[in-house]
Protein backbone atom coordinates (compact mmCIF):
# COMPACT_ATOMS: atom_id res chain seq x y z
CA MET A 1 -17.33 -6.81 0.70
CA ASP A 2 -13.70 -7.90 1.07
CA TYR A 3 -13.97 -11.68 1.44
CA LYS A 4 -10.21 -12.11 1.30
CA GLN A 5 -9.72 -9.84 4.33
CA ILE A 6 -12.51 -11.52 6.30
CA LEU A 7 -10.99 -14.97 5.76
CA THR A 8 -7.50 -13.67 6.57
CA ASP A 9 -8.69 -12.18 9.86
CA ILE A 10 -10.49 -15.39 10.86
CA ALA A 11 -7.50 -17.59 10.04
CA ARG A 12 -4.99 -15.32 11.80
CA ALA A 13 -7.07 -15.49 14.97
CA ILE A 14 -6.90 -19.31 14.97
CA VAL A 15 -3.27 -20.15 14.08
CA ASP A 16 -0.01 -19.90 16.02
CA THR A 17 1.92 -18.22 13.18
CA PRO A 18 -0.44 -15.58 11.73
CA GLU A 19 2.27 -14.06 9.53
CA GLU A 20 2.21 -17.21 7.35
CA VAL A 21 -1.51 -16.96 6.52
CA LYS A 22 -2.08 -16.34 2.82
CA VAL A 23 -5.37 -16.09 0.95
CA GLU A 24 -5.71 -16.12 -2.83
CA GLU A 25 -8.97 -14.89 -4.32
CA THR A 26 -10.46 -15.77 -7.72
CA VAL A 27 -13.63 -14.00 -8.83
CA GLU A 28 -15.87 -15.23 -11.66
CA GLU A 29 -19.24 -13.50 -12.12
CA ASN A 30 -21.21 -14.41 -8.96
CA GLU A 31 -18.66 -16.90 -7.63
CA VAL A 32 -15.73 -16.15 -5.34
CA LYS A 33 -13.14 -18.86 -4.73
CA LEU A 34 -10.73 -18.46 -1.82
CA LEU A 35 -7.63 -20.58 -1.28
CA LEU A 36 -6.35 -20.46 2.31
CA THR A 37 -2.73 -21.42 2.91
CA VAL A 38 -1.26 -21.67 6.41
CA ALA A 39 1.97 -22.98 7.93
CA PRO A 40 2.16 -26.81 7.90
CA ASP A 41 1.99 -26.94 11.71
CA ASP A 42 -1.19 -24.82 11.72
CA THR A 43 -3.17 -26.89 9.21
CA GLY A 44 -4.73 -29.01 11.94
CA MET A 45 -5.86 -25.92 13.84
CA VAL A 46 -7.67 -24.53 10.81
CA ILE A 47 -9.32 -27.85 9.96
CA GLY A 48 -10.19 -28.83 13.54
CA ARG A 49 -11.43 -32.16 14.82
CA HIS A 50 -13.44 -33.95 12.17
CA GLY A 51 -13.34 -30.74 10.08
CA LYS A 52 -15.56 -28.75 12.45
CA ILE A 53 -13.56 -25.52 12.30
CA ALA A 54 -13.17 -25.72 8.52
CA LYS A 55 -16.93 -26.25 8.21
CA ALA A 56 -17.60 -23.25 10.48
CA ILE A 57 -15.24 -21.04 8.44
CA ARG A 58 -16.97 -22.10 5.22
CA SER A 59 -20.39 -21.39 6.76
CA VAL A 60 -19.38 -17.88 7.83
CA MET A 61 -17.98 -17.12 4.38
CA LYS A 62 -21.08 -18.54 2.70
CA VAL A 63 -23.34 -16.27 4.78
CA ALA A 64 -21.14 -13.27 3.95
CA GLY A 65 -21.49 -14.09 0.26
CA ASN A 66 -25.26 -14.59 0.48
CA LYS A 67 -25.64 -10.99 1.64
CA GLU A 68 -24.40 -9.87 -1.79
CA GLY A 69 -25.83 -12.74 -3.81
CA LYS A 70 -22.45 -14.37 -4.38
CA ARG A 71 -21.35 -17.96 -3.97
CA VAL A 72 -18.22 -18.14 -1.82
CA THR A 73 -16.15 -21.33 -1.60
CA VAL A 74 -13.12 -21.87 0.64
CA GLU A 75 -10.36 -24.38 0.02
CA ILE A 76 -7.73 -25.07 2.67
CA GLU A 77 -4.25 -26.05 1.66
């Protein structure tokens, strides 16, 4: 499963400047770490009020990882 592409698609659907969405992926055994970087003006959109959107994104990625027995973490920068 391409976790990087899934996160990129989700983030591009949320932000105003989708061309500035970047995702870096680090894989270690059963752990996948994703670093999401967006334009400074779009950071609030990705995080949402009280972190609700960020939490939802992390939940979706966690479920995607569980299907393959991997632990997926998302950091937003």
